[in-house]
Amino acid sequence: MTLILCFNAVLFKLEIALTFMARTPQAGPEIPLVNTKHLMYITEMLTNNETGADQGQQNNNTSPSDLSDLHILLVDDVDTNRLIIKVLLASTNITVHEAADGETALEMFAESPEGYYDAVFMDIQMPGIDGFETTRRMRELPRPDALKTPVVAMTADSYEDMEESGREAMNGYIGKPVDVNEIKNFLYSLRK
């Protein structure tokens, strides 16, 4: 119980810090991925002593929520955003590989075995090369999976506000703050 109370205090401080980040001019247009709903989900997961399975399901490798055979590349320049998504996806057992910028994402994709990544979740507003340019460069890599691997844009902009040339390279869109069920549904669709 003491651990849970300490974790709740840390989550509360995290929420306050992220709210402050979203409101300061230095933070730029970046919208944090976390919100109170996410923090409540994490707290509930801990207080129910869940070990990774969705509510009402047993935690074994045959569970429909188990995506341990999938590998995703999560590209976001904000460490906290990547951490929150990893925590929210913990119940799926998916393997999440992280890149903090477009250049690193391109290197990771290029150096991975063909077909290694099942999907890429790409933040659009990043310093250096943005998510659109990263996706364009990834699509130009001389390997068959560069054109086939789904890339999902993650942005606070609406789908309609995204530049048309950038939308063409993407396979989907998830708004910020993210809805973990939207991500999970997309990941489950990869298995069909």
Foldseek 3Di string as FASTA:
>chain_A
DVVLVVVLVVLVVVQVVLVVLCPDVVNPPDHALDDPVLSVVLSVCVVVVPDQADPPDDPDCVDLLAPLVAEEEEEALDPVNVVSLCSLSSSRNHHYHYDNDLVVVLVVLLPDPPPRHQAYEAEADDPDHGRLVSLVVQCPPPDVCSQVRAYEYEEQDDPVPPDPSSVVSHPYYAYGSGDSVVVSVVSSVSVD
